[in-house]
């Protein structure tokens, strides 16, 4: 198998790291992979904040659902959708017409750019022998994150990842199963007929569960990932970020 494809197939989240610093050249290689990632119009609508201050790491760990491994990870990167640089340039120009302000479409485009850049760093880290874990909770508590990171207008944290050498237990840990291609790849149009029954069959197969075990699993999953405080807070915070973006805050 091609080595790059093999790396992508075997990659898994790592939440326990060997407590040793990463060489500067490796960190720069990981960051450089982000710079070389594709972006809309070659605009690079993102900024990376390399969080090295232990107090800021600890604050992020607390604000991201109290996950202590964030505070001890050798490398912590926060990826921000950033239209500030370009908008500052646009404001200096005499267009002869009123300049529109960044809106929802700009936020979505910048977010897409940011996620692409983030994943480039994750792949680069794996290629260098490091593990990583995305931290979706960075979308929560937008006021707190803005204060920790000193974020100005039109700069919003939309992704975060932590990196380091995985411990042996993390290396040995089995990668969770994924869906099959036919489960998630549609040709030419969306297969709307694949409703709840199909999804339930997909989940039973992926998780290796019989009917009774699946019922217990899906109830627990719903309470843990859907009807939960962090999910409600993430939606509230994301809506606030979009409202602030439109208002220039």
Protein backbone atom coordinates (compact mmCIF):
# COMPACT_ATOMS: atom_id res chain seq x y z
CA UNK A 1 0.00 0.00 0.00
CA UNK A 2 1.15 3.54 -0.74
CA UNK A 3 2.77 4.97 2.41
CA UNK A 4 0.62 8.12 2.47
CA UNK A 5 -2.59 6.10 2.05
CA UNK A 6 -1.40 3.71 4.77
CA UNK A 7 -0.76 6.62 7.13
CA UNK A 8 -4.26 8.00 6.53
CA UNK A 9 -5.86 4.59 7.03
CA UNK A 10 -4.03 3.90 10.30
CA UNK A 11 -4.27 7.36 11.88
CA UNK A 12 -6.19 7.48 15.17
CA UNK A 13 -6.69 10.04 17.92
CA UNK A 14 -4.04 10.12 20.66
CA UNK A 15 -4.77 11.57 24.09
CA UNK A 16 -1.73 10.42 26.07
CA UNK A 17 1.71 11.73 25.17
CA UNK A 18 5.28 11.08 26.21
CA UNK A 19 6.26 14.11 28.28
CA UNK A 20 9.14 15.40 26.20
CA UNK A 21 9.38 18.54 24.04
CA UNK A 22 9.10 18.29 20.28
CA UNK A 23 12.18 19.46 18.33
CA UNK A 24 11.76 22.92 16.84
CA UNK A 25 12.37 21.63 13.33
CA UNK A 26 9.51 19.13 13.68
CA UNK A 27 7.12 21.81 14.92
CA UNK A 28 8.10 24.05 12.01
CA UNK A 29 7.59 21.20 9.55
CA UNK A 30 4.10 20.58 10.95
CA UNK A 31 3.23 24.30 10.73
CA UNK A 32 4.70 24.55 7.24
CA UNK A 33 2.36 21.79 6.09
CA UNK A 34 -0.55 24.06 7.01
CA UNK A 35 0.88 26.95 5.01
CA UNK A 36 1.16 24.73 1.94
CA UNK A 37 -2.44 23.48 2.22
CA UNK A 38 -4.99 24.66 -0.37
CA UNK A 39 -7.05 27.74 0.43
CA UNK A 40 -9.76 29.71 -1.34
CA UNK A 41 -8.16 32.09 -3.83
CA UNK A 42 -4.81 31.45 -2.13
CA UNK A 43 -6.00 33.85 0.58
CA UNK A 44 -5.01 31.73 3.61
CA UNK A 45 -8.06 32.75 5.63
CA UNK A 46 -6.72 31.44 8.93
CA UNK A 47 -4.24 32.06 11.71
CA UNK A 48 -2.63 29.44 13.95
CA UNK A 49 -1.94 30.22 17.60
CA UNK A 50 0.84 28.03 18.99
CA UNK A 51 0.01 27.92 22.69
CA UNK A 52 3.23 27.47 24.69
CA UNK A 53 2.30 29.29 27.93
CA UNK A 54 1.47 26.62 30.57
CA UNK A 55 -1.16 28.87 32.15
CA UNK A 56 -2.92 29.35 28.82
CA UNK A 57 -2.75 25.61 28.14
CA UNK A 58 -4.36 24.98 31.52
CA UNK A 59 -7.03 27.59 30.84
CA UNK A 60 -7.82 25.99 27.48
CA UNK A 61 -7.98 22.56 29.11
CA UNK A 62 -10.53 23.90 31.61
CA UNK A 63 -12.59 25.76 29.00
CA UNK A 64 -12.63 22.70 26.71
CA UNK A 65 -14.69 20.47 29.01
CA UNK A 66 -11.94 19.99 31.59
CA UNK A 67 -9.68 17.72 29.56
CA UNK A 68 -6.35 17.70 31.45
CA UNK A 69 -4.31 16.10 28.64
CA UNK A 70 -4.59 19.39 26.76
CA UNK A 71 -2.57 21.15 29.46
CA UNK A 72 0.28 18.62 29.27
CA UNK A 73 0.42 18.08 25.50
CA UNK A 74 3.83 19.02 24.03
CA UNK A 75 2.22 20.98 21.20
CA UNK A 76 -1.13 22.80 21.32
CA UNK A 77 -2.38 24.60 18.22
CA UNK A 78 -5.56 26.64 17.92
CA UNK A 79 -6.74 27.28 14.36
CA UNK A 80 -8.70 30.49 13.84
CA UNK A 81 -10.83 31.51 10.90
CA UNK A 82 -9.34 34.90 10.08
CA UNK A 83 -10.68 37.52 7.68
CA UNK A 84 -9.18 40.40 9.64
CA UNK A 85 -5.98 40.68 7.57
CA UNK A 86 -7.80 40.91 4.26
CA UNK A 87 -10.53 43.23 5.55
CA UNK A 88 -7.90 45.60 6.92
CA UNK A 89 -6.40 45.77 3.40
CA UNK A 90 -9.82 46.27 1.79
CA UNK A 91 -10.56 49.18 4.15
CA UNK A 92 -7.45 51.02 2.99
CA UNK A 93 -8.63 51.01 -0.64
CA UNK A 94 -10.69 53.72 -2.33
CA UNK A 95 -13.26 51.58 -4.14
CA UNK A 96 -15.57 54.41 -5.01
CA UNK A 97 -18.39 52.49 -3.32
CA UNK A 98 -19.37 51.31 0.14
CA UNK A 99 -17.28 48.41 1.36
CA UNK A 100 -19.33 45.44 2.53
CA UNK A 101 -18.38 43.89 5.85
CA UNK A 102 -17.54 40.18 6.30
CA UNK A 103 -20.71 38.09 6.51
CA UNK A 104 -21.81 34.48 7.00
CA UNK A 105 -20.42 33.26 3.67
CA UNK A 106 -17.02 34.68 4.49
CA UNK A 107 -17.09 32.95 7.87
CA UNK A 108 -17.96 29.62 6.23
CA UNK A 109 -15.23 30.01 3.62
CA UNK A 110 -12.63 30.94 6.24
CA UNK A 111 -13.75 28.01 8.39
CA UNK A 112 -13.28 25.60 5.48
CA UNK A 113 -9.79 26.98 4.84
CA UNK A 114 -8.98 26.63 8.53
CA UNK A 115 -10.07 22.99 8.79
CA UNK A 116 -8.08 22.08 5.67
CA UNK A 117 -4.97 23.66 7.20
CA UNK A 118 -5.55 21.91 10.52
CA UNK A 119 -5.79 18.51 8.90
CA UNK A 120 -2.58 19.11 6.97
CA UNK A 121 -0.78 19.52 10.31
CA UNK A 122 -2.31 16.31 11.68
CA UNK A 123 -1.16 14.31 8.66
CA UNK A 124 2.30 15.88 8.80
CA UNK A 125 2.57 15.07 12.51
CA UNK A 126 1.65 11.42 11.89
CA UNK A 127 4.25 11.24 9.11
CA UNK A 128 6.88 12.40 11.63
CA UNK A 129 5.86 9.78 14.18
CA UNK A 130 3.66 11.95 16.40
CA UNK A 131 0.08 11.45 17.49
CA UNK A 132 -2.63 14.07 17.64
CA UNK A 133 -6.18 14.71 18.76
CA UNK A 134 -8.70 17.26 17.56
CA UNK A 135 -10.45 19.22 20.33
CA UNK A 136 -13.94 20.15 19.14
CA UNK A 137 -14.70 21.88 22.44
CA UNK A 138 -12.72 24.94 21.29
CA UNK A 139 -16.03 26.09 19.73
CA UNK A 140 -17.57 26.32 23.21
CA UNK A 141 -17.35 29.34 25.53
CA UNK A 142 -16.37 31.82 22.79
CA UNK A 143 -15.99 34.71 25.25
CA UNK A 144 -13.54 32.70 27.35
CA UNK A 145 -11.54 31.53 24.34
CA UNK A 146 -11.34 35.08 23.00
CA UNK A 147 -9.97 36.29 26.33
CA UNK A 148 -7.42 33.48 26.64
CA UNK A 149 -6.14 33.93 23.09
CA UNK A 150 -6.55 37.70 22.70
CA UNK A 151 -8.69 37.44 19.56
CA UNK A 152 -9.74 40.61 17.68
CA UNK A 153 -12.73 41.07 15.38
CA UNK A 154 -13.15 38.67 12.44
CA UNK A 155 -10.91 36.07 14.11
CA UNK A 156 -12.71 33.05 15.58
CA UNK A 157 -11.37 29.72 16.92
CA UNK A 158 -12.91 26.90 14.86
CA UNK A 159 -10.43 24.04 15.37
CA UNK A 160 -7.82 22.91 17.84
CA UNK A 161 -5.43 19.98 18.00
CA UNK A 162 -2.83 18.69 20.42
CA UNK A 163 0.26 16.72 19.40
CA UNK A 164 3.10 14.67 20.84
CA UNK A 165 4.79 11.29 20.91
CA UNK A 166 2.12 8.71 21.77
CA UNK A 167 2.62 6.53 24.82
CA UNK A 168 2.93 2.79 24.23
CA UNK A 169 -0.63 2.21 25.43
CA UNK A 170 -1.87 4.66 22.80
CA UNK A 171 0.19 2.98 20.10
CA UNK A 172 -1.27 -0.39 21.08
CA UNK A 173 -4.85 0.89 21.35
CA UNK A 174 -7.05 -0.40 18.53
CA UNK A 175 -8.44 2.20 16.15
CA UNK A 176 -12.23 2.52 16.47
CA UNK A 177 -14.12 1.01 13.48
CA UNK A 178 -15.32 3.27 10.67
CA UNK A 179 -18.23 3.05 8.24
CA UNK A 180 -17.89 1.21 4.93
CA UNK A 181 -17.59 3.20 1.70
CA UNK A 182 -21.04 2.15 0.50
CA UNK A 183 -22.49 3.53 3.74
CA UNK A 184 -21.41 7.11 3.14
CA UNK A 185 -20.55 7.54 -0.57
CA UNK A 186 -23.49 8.33 -2.87
CA UNK A 187 -23.23 8.66 -6.65
CA UNK A 188 -24.55 11.75 -8.41
CA UNK A 189 -27.26 12.54 -5.86
CA UNK A 190 -28.13 12.05 -2.22
CA UNK A 191 -29.89 8.77 -1.43
CA UNK A 192 -32.77 10.16 0.59
CA UNK A 193 -34.30 6.71 0.99
CA UNK A 194 -31.46 5.81 3.37
CA UNK A 195 -33.21 6.93 6.53
CA UNK A 196 -33.09 5.88 10.16
CA UNK A 197 -33.37 2.13 9.46
CA UNK A 198 -30.32 2.20 7.20
CA UNK A 199 -28.35 4.27 9.70
CA UNK A 200 -29.24 1.87 12.50
CA UNK A 201 -28.04 -1.08 10.42
CA UNK A 202 -24.81 0.81 9.64
CA UNK A 203 -24.21 1.51 13.32
CA UNK A 204 -24.93 -2.06 14.42
CA UNK A 205 -22.43 -3.33 11.86
CA UNK A 206 -19.78 -0.74 12.70
CA UNK A 207 -20.07 -1.24 16.46
CA UNK A 208 -20.53 -5.00 16.24
CA UNK A 209 -23.71 -4.95 18.35
CA UNK A 210 -26.84 -7.07 18.46
CA UNK A 211 -30.28 -5.47 18.85
CA UNK A 212 -30.30 -5.42 22.64
CA UNK A 213 -26.74 -4.12 22.98
CA UNK A 214 -27.40 -1.49 20.31
CA UNK A 215 -30.43 -0.15 22.18
CA UNK A 216 -28.30 0.41 25.27
CA UNK A 217 -25.45 1.91 23.26
CA UNK A 218 -27.56 4.38 21.26
CA UNK A 219 -29.39 5.60 24.39
CA UNK A 220 -26.10 6.24 26.17
CA UNK A 221 -24.60 7.87 23.06
CA UNK A 222 -27.59 10.19 22.65
CA UNK A 223 -27.34 11.36 26.25
CA UNK A 224 -23.55 11.77 26.03
CA UNK A 225 -23.27 13.47 22.62
CA UNK A 226 -26.64 15.05 21.81
CA UNK A 227 -28.82 15.78 24.83
CA UNK A 228 -25.92 17.11 26.86
CA UNK A 229 -24.73 20.41 28.26
CA UNK A 230 -21.62 20.71 26.08
CA UNK A 231 -23.64 20.23 22.88
CA UNK A 232 -26.08 22.96 23.89
CA UNK A 233 -23.22 25.28 24.85
CA UNK A 234 -21.41 24.61 21.58
CA UNK A 235 -24.49 25.62 19.59
CA UNK A 236 -24.99 28.75 21.69
CA UNK A 237 -21.34 29.73 21.38
CA UNK A 238 -21.22 29.04 17.62
CA UNK A 239 -24.31 31.20 17.08
CA UNK A 240 -22.73 33.99 19.12
CA UNK A 241 -19.52 33.78 17.08
CA UNK A 242 -21.48 34.13 13.83
CA UNK A 243 -23.50 37.06 15.23
CA UNK A 244 -20.30 38.77 16.40
CA UNK A 245 -18.68 38.17 13.00
CA UNK A 246 -21.59 39.91 11.25
CA UNK A 247 -21.44 42.77 13.75
CA UNK A 248 -17.69 43.20 13.39
CA UNK A 249 -16.84 42.09 16.93
